Protein backbone atom coordinates (compact mmCIF):
# COMPACT_ATOMS: atom_id res chain seq x y z
CA UNK A 1 -23.55 34.25 -2.79
CA UNK A 2 -23.61 30.73 -1.35
CA UNK A 3 -25.58 30.17 1.84
CA UNK A 4 -22.91 29.56 4.48
CA UNK A 5 -25.42 28.85 7.21
CA UNK A 6 -24.42 25.47 8.63
CA UNK A 7 -28.09 24.73 9.32
CA UNK A 8 -29.16 25.25 5.71
CA UNK A 9 -29.13 21.51 4.94
CA UNK A 10 -30.65 20.36 8.21
CA UNK A 11 -34.31 19.32 8.37
CA UNK A 12 -36.40 19.71 11.54
CA UNK A 13 -38.54 17.35 13.60
CA UNK A 14 -40.71 17.72 16.69
CA UNK A 15 -39.85 14.31 18.09
CA UNK A 16 -36.66 12.64 19.22
CA UNK A 17 -35.10 11.00 16.17
CA UNK A 18 -32.39 8.51 17.12
CA UNK A 19 -30.13 7.44 14.25
CA UNK A 20 -29.37 3.76 14.67
CA UNK A 21 -26.67 1.57 13.23
CA UNK A 22 -27.62 -0.08 9.93
CA UNK A 23 -29.69 2.75 8.46
CA UNK A 24 -27.15 3.24 5.67
CA UNK A 25 -26.52 0.08 3.64
CA UNK A 26 -23.13 0.17 1.95
CA UNK A 27 -22.95 -2.66 -0.60
CA UNK A 28 -19.70 -4.26 -1.74
CA UNK A 29 -18.88 -4.15 -5.44
CA UNK A 30 -18.03 -7.63 -6.73
CA UNK A 31 -17.66 -8.83 -10.32
CA UNK A 32 -15.96 -12.24 -10.02
CA UNK A 33 -17.04 -15.22 -7.96
CA UNK A 34 -14.47 -17.31 -6.10
CA UNK A 35 -13.86 -19.41 -9.24
CA UNK A 36 -12.96 -16.36 -11.32
CA UNK A 37 -16.22 -16.30 -13.27
CA UNK A 38 -18.23 -13.14 -13.90
CA UNK A 39 -21.29 -12.91 -11.70
CA UNK A 40 -24.68 -12.77 -13.37
CA UNK A 41 -25.29 -9.23 -14.58
CA UNK A 42 -21.71 -8.15 -14.00
CA UNK A 43 -19.85 -6.27 -16.74
CA UNK A 44 -16.07 -6.50 -16.79
CA UNK A 45 -14.07 -3.26 -17.19
CA UNK A 46 -12.33 -2.59 -20.47
CA UNK A 47 -9.02 -4.28 -19.85
CA UNK A 48 -6.69 -5.12 -22.72
CA UNK A 49 -4.82 -8.41 -22.82
CA UNK A 50 -1.58 -6.56 -22.09
CA UNK A 51 -3.09 -4.83 -19.04
CA UNK A 52 -4.59 -8.04 -17.69
CA UNK A 53 -1.35 -9.96 -18.20
CA UNK A 54 0.64 -7.21 -16.51
CA UNK A 55 -1.68 -7.22 -13.49
CA UNK A 56 -1.47 -11.01 -13.17
CA UNK A 57 2.31 -11.09 -13.57
CA UNK A 58 2.77 -8.32 -11.01
CA UNK A 59 0.66 -10.19 -8.45
CA UNK A 60 2.59 -13.40 -9.10
CA UNK A 61 5.93 -11.58 -8.88
CA UNK A 62 5.09 -9.92 -5.58
CA UNK A 63 4.07 -13.22 -4.02
CA UNK A 64 7.41 -14.71 -5.08
CA UNK A 65 9.25 -11.65 -3.76
CA UNK A 66 7.40 -11.89 -0.44
CA UNK A 67 8.21 -15.57 -0.03
CA UNK A 68 11.90 -15.04 -0.79
CA UNK A 69 12.31 -12.02 1.48
CA UNK A 70 10.53 -13.62 4.43
CA UNK A 71 13.02 -16.48 4.06
CA UNK A 72 15.87 -13.97 3.83
CA UNK A 73 14.75 -12.36 7.08
CA UNK A 74 14.54 -15.74 8.80
CA UNK A 75 18.10 -16.40 7.63
CA UNK A 76 19.28 -13.12 9.15
CA UNK A 77 20.08 -11.56 5.79
CA UNK A 78 17.68 -8.63 6.28
CA UNK A 79 16.22 -7.32 9.51
CA UNK A 80 12.52 -6.94 8.71
CA UNK A 81 9.86 -7.58 6.08
CA UNK A 82 6.14 -7.03 5.46
CA UNK A 83 4.33 -9.30 2.99
CA UNK A 84 1.09 -8.49 1.19
CA UNK A 85 0.04 -12.12 0.64
CA UNK A 86 -3.71 -12.24 0.09
CA UNK A 87 -3.93 -8.52 -0.68
CA UNK A 88 -2.20 -8.48 -4.06
CA UNK A 89 -5.33 -7.65 -6.05
CA UNK A 90 -6.25 -4.65 -3.92
CA UNK A 91 -2.91 -2.95 -4.49
CA UNK A 92 -2.03 -4.11 -8.00
CA UNK A 93 -5.40 -3.54 -9.66
CA UNK A 94 -5.85 -0.12 -8.05
CA UNK A 95 -2.40 0.97 -9.23
CA UNK A 96 -3.24 -0.32 -12.72
CA UNK A 97 -6.28 1.99 -12.85
CA UNK A 98 -4.16 5.09 -12.25
CA UNK A 99 -2.08 7.19 -14.61
CA UNK A 100 1.70 7.24 -14.26
CA UNK A 101 1.70 10.92 -13.25
CA UNK A 102 -0.68 10.27 -10.34
CA UNK A 103 1.05 10.34 -6.97
CA UNK A 104 1.07 7.21 -4.79
CA UNK A 105 1.37 7.55 -1.03
CA UNK A 106 1.77 4.15 0.57
CA UNK A 107 1.50 2.80 4.10
CA UNK A 108 3.97 -0.12 3.93
CA UNK A 109 2.24 -3.10 2.29
CA UNK A 110 1.87 -1.73 -1.24
CA UNK A 111 5.02 -3.03 -2.93
CA UNK A 112 2.83 -4.36 -5.73
CA UNK A 113 1.88 -0.80 -6.76
CA UNK A 114 5.55 0.07 -7.02
CA UNK A 115 6.35 -3.11 -8.97
CA UNK A 116 3.47 -2.39 -11.37
CA UNK A 117 5.00 0.99 -12.11
CA UNK A 118 8.34 -0.57 -12.99
CA UNK A 119 10.42 -0.70 -9.81
CA UNK A 120 13.06 -3.32 -10.49
CA UNK A 121 14.11 -6.32 -8.45
CA UNK A 122 17.53 -4.73 -7.99
CA UNK A 123 15.94 -1.56 -6.60
CA UNK A 124 13.87 -3.56 -4.14
CA UNK A 125 16.97 -5.40 -2.95
CA UNK A 126 19.22 -2.37 -2.62
CA UNK A 127 16.66 -0.70 -0.38
CA UNK A 128 16.08 -3.76 1.78
CA UNK A 129 19.79 -4.42 2.23
CA UNK A 130 20.48 -0.70 2.90
CA UNK A 131 23.61 -0.82 0.74
CA UNK A 132 25.47 1.91 -1.14
CA UNK A 133 23.00 1.71 -4.01
CA UNK A 134 20.03 2.40 -1.74
CA UNK A 135 18.73 5.89 -2.62
CA UNK A 136 17.76 6.32 1.06
CA UNK A 137 21.41 5.75 2.02
CA UNK A 138 20.47 3.09 4.53
CA UNK A 139 18.50 5.46 6.74
CA UNK A 140 15.23 3.59 6.42
CA UNK A 141 14.08 0.16 7.56
CA UNK A 142 13.60 -2.48 4.85
CA UNK A 143 10.41 -2.07 2.72
CA UNK A 144 10.43 1.73 3.17
CA UNK A 145 10.65 2.42 -0.55
CA UNK A 146 10.39 5.68 -2.42
CA UNK A 147 10.94 6.68 -6.03
CA UNK A 148 10.53 10.20 -7.39
CA UNK A 149 10.64 9.08 -11.03
CA UNK A 150 7.71 6.71 -10.44
CA UNK A 151 5.72 9.24 -8.36
CA UNK A 152 5.87 7.03 -5.29
CA UNK A 153 6.33 8.98 -2.07
CA UNK A 154 8.85 7.52 0.37
CA UNK A 155 7.24 5.39 3.07
CA UNK A 156 7.50 6.37 6.73
CA UNK A 157 6.90 3.97 9.62
CA UNK A 158 4.38 5.82 11.82
CA UNK A 159 0.81 4.87 10.96
CA UNK A 160 -1.36 7.44 9.23
CA UNK A 161 1.25 10.10 8.51
CA UNK A 162 0.66 9.83 4.76
CA UNK A 163 -3.09 10.55 5.03
CA UNK A 164 -3.01 14.31 5.73
CA UNK A 165 0.07 14.53 3.50
CA UNK A 166 -1.97 13.07 0.65
CA UNK A 167 -4.70 15.65 1.20
CA UNK A 168 -2.13 18.43 1.09
CA UNK A 169 -0.40 17.07 -1.99
CA UNK A 170 -3.72 16.65 -3.82
CA UNK A 171 -4.69 20.20 -2.86
CA UNK A 172 -1.47 21.35 -4.50
CA UNK A 173 -2.29 19.34 -7.61
CA UNK A 174 -5.64 21.12 -7.80
CA UNK A 175 -4.16 24.59 -7.30
CA UNK A 176 -1.63 23.93 -10.06
CA UNK A 177 -4.35 22.73 -12.41
CA UNK A 178 -2.75 19.31 -12.84
CA UNK A 179 -4.70 16.53 -14.52
CA UNK A 180 -3.67 14.17 -11.73
CA UNK A 181 -4.82 12.69 -8.45
CA UNK A 182 -3.13 11.33 -5.35
CA UNK A 183 -3.95 7.87 -4.04
CA UNK A 184 -3.33 7.18 -0.36
CA UNK A 185 -3.17 3.58 0.89
CA UNK A 186 -3.70 2.56 4.51
CA UNK A 187 -5.12 -0.29 6.57
CA UNK A 188 -8.26 -0.19 8.68
CA UNK A 189 -6.06 -0.07 11.76
CA UNK A 190 -4.50 3.20 10.58
CA UNK A 191 -8.02 4.61 10.33
CA UNK A 192 -8.01 4.67 14.13
CA UNK A 193 -5.22 7.25 14.09
CA UNK A 194 -6.00 10.94 14.47
CA UNK A 195 -4.27 11.66 11.15
CA UNK A 196 -7.03 9.73 9.37
CA UNK A 197 -9.74 12.06 10.62
CA UNK A 198 -7.69 15.21 10.06
CA UNK A 199 -6.75 14.12 6.53
CA UNK A 200 -10.27 13.17 5.45
CA UNK A 201 -11.82 16.30 6.89
CA UNK A 202 -9.21 18.49 5.21
CA UNK A 203 -9.78 16.79 1.84
CA UNK A 204 -13.55 17.08 2.12
CA UNK A 205 -13.54 20.76 3.12
CA UNK A 206 -10.90 21.82 0.58
CA UNK A 207 -12.19 19.54 -2.22
CA UNK A 208 -8.91 17.75 -2.80
CA UNK A 209 -8.65 15.24 -5.69
CA UNK A 210 -7.42 12.37 -3.52
CA UNK A 211 -8.41 8.70 -3.40
CA UNK A 212 -8.26 7.29 0.10
CA UNK A 213 -7.77 3.56 -0.38
CA UNK A 214 -8.35 1.51 2.77
CA UNK A 215 -7.22 -2.11 2.78
CA UNK A 216 -9.59 -3.56 5.36
CA UNK A 217 -7.71 -6.83 5.88
CA UNK A 218 -9.40 -7.80 9.12
CA UNK A 219 -6.57 -7.19 11.58
CA UNK A 220 -4.52 -4.30 12.95
CA UNK A 221 -1.55 -6.53 13.78
CA UNK A 222 -3.28 -8.84 16.30
CA UNK A 223 -6.42 -6.79 16.90
CA UNK A 224 -9.43 -7.99 14.86
CA UNK A 225 -11.70 -5.43 13.22
CA UNK A 226 -14.58 -6.07 15.62
CA UNK A 227 -12.36 -4.98 18.49
CA UNK A 228 -11.20 -1.85 16.66
CA UNK A 229 -14.55 -0.21 15.93
CA UNK A 230 -18.28 -0.81 16.30
CA UNK A 231 -19.45 0.94 13.14
CA UNK A 232 -19.89 -0.38 9.62
CA UNK A 233 -16.24 -0.63 8.66
CA UNK A 234 -14.40 2.37 7.26
CA UNK A 235 -16.76 3.22 4.39
CA UNK A 236 -19.33 4.68 6.77
CA UNK A 237 -16.74 7.19 7.97
CA UNK A 238 -16.33 8.54 4.46
CA UNK A 239 -20.05 9.22 4.28
CA UNK A 240 -19.83 10.93 7.66
CA UNK A 241 -17.23 13.33 6.32
CA UNK A 242 -19.26 14.05 3.20
CA UNK A 243 -16.92 12.05 0.96
CA UNK A 244 -18.06 9.98 -2.00
CA UNK A 245 -17.51 6.37 -0.96
CA UNK A 246 -17.13 2.95 -2.60
CA UNK A 247 -16.89 -0.44 -0.92
CA UNK A 248 -15.31 -3.16 -3.04
CA UNK A 249 -14.26 -6.81 -2.81
CA UNK A 250 -10.51 -6.36 -2.37
CA UNK A 251 -9.78 -9.90 -3.58
CA UNK A 252 -11.53 -9.24 -6.90
CA UNK A 253 -9.02 -7.54 -9.22
CA UNK A 254 -11.69 -6.59 -11.78
CA UNK A 255 -13.88 -4.92 -9.17
CA UNK A 256 -10.92 -3.07 -7.64
CA UNK A 257 -9.81 -1.86 -11.07
CA UNK A 258 -13.16 -0.41 -12.08
CA UNK A 259 -13.79 1.07 -8.62
CA UNK A 260 -10.45 2.89 -8.69
CA UNK A 261 -10.90 3.91 -12.30
CA UNK A 262 -14.24 5.53 -11.53
CA UNK A 263 -12.94 7.05 -8.30
CA UNK A 264 -10.18 8.74 -10.29
CA UNK A 265 -12.66 10.11 -12.82
CA UNK A 266 -14.85 11.50 -10.04
CA UNK A 267 -11.93 13.01 -8.13
CA UNK A 268 -10.75 14.86 -11.25
CA UNK A 269 -14.14 15.88 -12.60
CA UNK A 270 -15.64 17.05 -9.32
CA UNK A 271 -12.35 18.08 -7.66
CA UNK A 272 -13.19 16.06 -4.58
CA UNK A 273 -11.96 13.17 -2.45
CA UNK A 274 -13.20 9.58 -2.83
CA UNK A 275 -12.88 6.84 -0.23
CA UNK A 276 -12.53 3.20 -1.31
CA UNK A 277 -12.79 0.45 1.28
CA UNK A 278 -11.37 -2.80 -0.10
CA UNK A 279 -12.58 -5.81 1.89
CA UNK A 280 -9.70 -8.28 1.89
CA UNK A 281 -7.66 -10.49 4.23
CA UNK A 282 -4.04 -10.62 5.30
CA UNK A 283 -3.00 -14.24 4.79
CA UNK A 284 0.56 -13.55 5.90
CA UNK A 285 1.72 -12.44 9.32
CA UNK A 286 1.54 -8.72 9.95
CA UNK A 287 5.32 -8.66 9.62
CA UNK A 288 8.25 -10.93 10.26
CA UNK A 289 8.00 -9.82 13.91
CA UNK A 290 4.48 -11.23 14.21
CA UNK A 291 3.04 -14.72 14.84
CA UNK A 292 -0.61 -14.85 13.71
CA UNK A 293 -1.19 -18.29 15.26
CA UNK A 294 -1.62 -16.49 18.56
CA UNK A 295 -4.74 -14.61 17.50
CA UNK A 296 -6.43 -16.47 14.62
CA UNK A 297 -7.11 -20.02 13.54
CA UNK A 298 -5.87 -22.06 10.60
CA UNK A 299 -9.52 -22.72 9.74
CA UNK A 300 -10.15 -19.01 9.33
CA UNK A 301 -7.13 -18.64 7.06
CA UNK A 302 -8.22 -21.67 5.01
CA UNK A 303 -11.59 -20.07 4.26
CA UNK A 304 -9.87 -16.99 2.88
CA UNK A 305 -7.43 -19.03 0.80
CA UNK A 306 -10.46 -20.11 -1.21
CA UNK A 307 -10.83 -16.44 -2.18
CA UNK A 308 -7.19 -16.17 -3.27
CA UNK A 309 -6.98 -13.03 -5.46
CA UNK A 310 -4.31 -14.40 -7.79
CA UNK A 311 -6.07 -17.66 -8.62
CA UNK A 312 -9.37 -15.84 -8.99
CA UNK A 313 -8.02 -13.36 -11.53
CA UNK A 314 -5.94 -16.02 -13.25
CA UNK A 315 -9.07 -18.05 -13.94
CA UNK A 316 -10.73 -15.04 -15.53
CA UNK A 317 -7.66 -14.45 -17.73
CA UNK A 318 -7.74 -18.13 -18.75
CA UNK A 319 -11.42 -17.79 -19.62
CA UNK A 320 -10.60 -14.87 -21.91
CA UNK A 321 -8.12 -17.05 -23.80
CA UNK A 322 -5.24 -14.79 -22.77
CA UNK A 323 -3.25 -17.33 -20.80
CA UNK A 324 -0.30 -19.30 -22.14
CA UNK A 325 0.67 -21.99 -19.60
CA UNK A 326 4.21 -22.52 -20.93
CA UNK A 327 4.95 -18.79 -21.13
CA UNK A 328 3.56 -18.25 -17.65
CA UNK A 329 5.61 -21.05 -16.11
CA UNK A 330 8.72 -19.65 -17.79
CA UNK A 331 7.94 -16.24 -16.27
CA UNK A 332 7.54 -17.72 -12.79
CA UNK A 333 10.81 -19.65 -13.07
CA UNK A 334 12.75 -16.65 -14.34
CA UNK A 335 11.27 -14.32 -11.70
CA UNK A 336 12.22 -16.72 -8.93
CA UNK A 337 15.77 -17.00 -10.31
CA UNK A 338 16.10 -13.23 -10.75
CA UNK A 339 14.94 -12.54 -7.20
CA UNK A 340 17.38 -15.03 -5.70
CA UNK A 341 20.23 -13.70 -7.83
CA UNK A 342 19.41 -10.11 -6.81
CA UNK A 343 19.48 -11.11 -3.13
CA UNK A 344 22.96 -12.60 -3.52
CA UNK A 345 24.21 -9.54 -5.40
CA UNK A 346 22.72 -6.87 -3.11
CA UNK A 347 24.00 -8.41 0.10
CA UNK A 348 27.57 -8.25 -1.23
CA UNK A 349 27.42 -4.52 -1.92
CA UNK A 350 29.06 -2.49 0.84
CA UNK A 351 26.84 -0.59 3.23
CA UNK A 352 26.76 3.21 3.12
CA UNK A 353 29.48 5.30 4.73
CA UNK A 354 28.71 6.11 8.32
CA UNK A 355 28.92 9.84 7.48
CA UNK A 356 25.81 9.38 5.34
CA UNK A 357 23.81 9.34 8.56
CA UNK A 358 24.09 13.13 8.70
CA UNK A 359 25.91 14.54 5.69
CA UNK A 360 22.99 15.66 3.53
CA UNK A 361 20.22 16.00 6.05
CA UNK A 362 21.18 19.61 6.80
CA UNK A 363 23.08 22.21 4.79
CA UNK A 364 25.57 22.35 7.64
CA UNK A 365 25.73 19.45 10.07
CA UNK A 366 24.65 20.69 13.56
CA UNK A 367 27.21 20.40 16.36
CA UNK A 368 25.18 17.87 18.34
CA UNK A 369 25.01 15.47 15.37
CA UNK A 370 28.72 15.88 14.76
CA UNK A 371 29.30 15.01 18.41
CA UNK A 372 27.02 11.97 18.24
CA UNK A 373 28.70 10.78 15.04
CA UNK A 374 32.11 11.02 16.70
CA UNK A 375 30.90 8.95 19.65
CA UNK A 376 29.43 6.37 17.27
CA UNK A 377 32.67 6.06 15.31
CA UNK A 378 34.59 5.58 18.55
CA UNK A 379 32.18 2.86 19.62
CA UNK A 380 32.43 1.02 16.28
CA UNK A 381 36.20 1.26 16.33
CA UNK A 382 36.17 -0.34 19.78
CA UNK A 383 33.89 -3.20 18.69
CA UNK A 384 34.64 -3.65 14.96
CA UNK A 385 33.53 -7.28 14.77
CA UNK A 386 29.95 -6.39 15.74
CA UNK A 387 29.32 -4.09 12.78
CA UNK A 388 29.26 -4.53 8.98
CA UNK A 389 32.24 -3.22 7.09
CA UNK A 390 32.06 -0.31 4.68
CA UNK A 391 34.34 0.20 1.73
CA UNK A 392 36.00 3.00 3.66
CA UNK A 393 37.52 2.57 7.07
CA UNK A 394 35.75 4.34 9.92
CA UNK A 395 38.06 7.16 10.90
């Protein structure tokens, strides 16, 4: 029988022993320098040319998508957007290290993981424009994607909700004997939510095969990391919960790939959680509702642009002899054209019927929702010019 005495692992001392900050040194895994060259002694993961090209193209595509959709929001074509500029490697390379049957639970800035799995430009647009082809039926804000076929759990706005959910889902994977893990993405700001602590403790105690992937991008909206916590980032918290922990350069796609690859192997083999803290930087605004000039300098941003994850990985791909300039330029041109064309198509598709607000949320629509829907229809009928038209008249 196992010794369940909670003191069984505790040593004794006869003097006051104060544990000070800095006793545990958590190094950051890095394989590429800022010029995309392997560091001395570094060994690149086993990436095929097809894998490397797919990672690079996904990062390039997402940056183009972000640029176009920020412009679309400024033009009033969509209401909201969140870009992942500067963080493309953290999300893309980690997704590339997973298997397709692994579950992804996202915060809201991981569109690259979804694109890597095959989410199409049309699917992105239909969700963001909340039209009739949106599988969420227009009930979600833009960028709140979800796709059952791609094992990508639908995003919800409140910070941290996906963290305990990921622990629970991974626990289910373990009980069912599945050869799969769950990866849960979140920012360092979300790690200040109570759900973070509940989720990590649950995963540690129940030995859930989940990878907690923290994008430490320096800011929780306008609050810098040094004003969020006094400890050594988020990695130290994993150690505190008894979770195997890795800190990695989030702008180094090779390092992120191998860190996630090994985290997955550990999570499956040992049936346990793993925490990855990816040190990166949000070059874009937090969202289209944010103005970063109010809380950080252009000089600070310029320093991080030198660590650009796309250029860094691109240089490594070029060094491997896997880069075709003409083919790559053709891909960029076509992607830009496809994104713009998809915007123009999606915005012309009618929005969902107003009844879709309630008609498959419950088996039988409750009386109070029926009443609210009636009031809403009356309001829209009174002010028709202030609302988008559907293909069916509001009755």
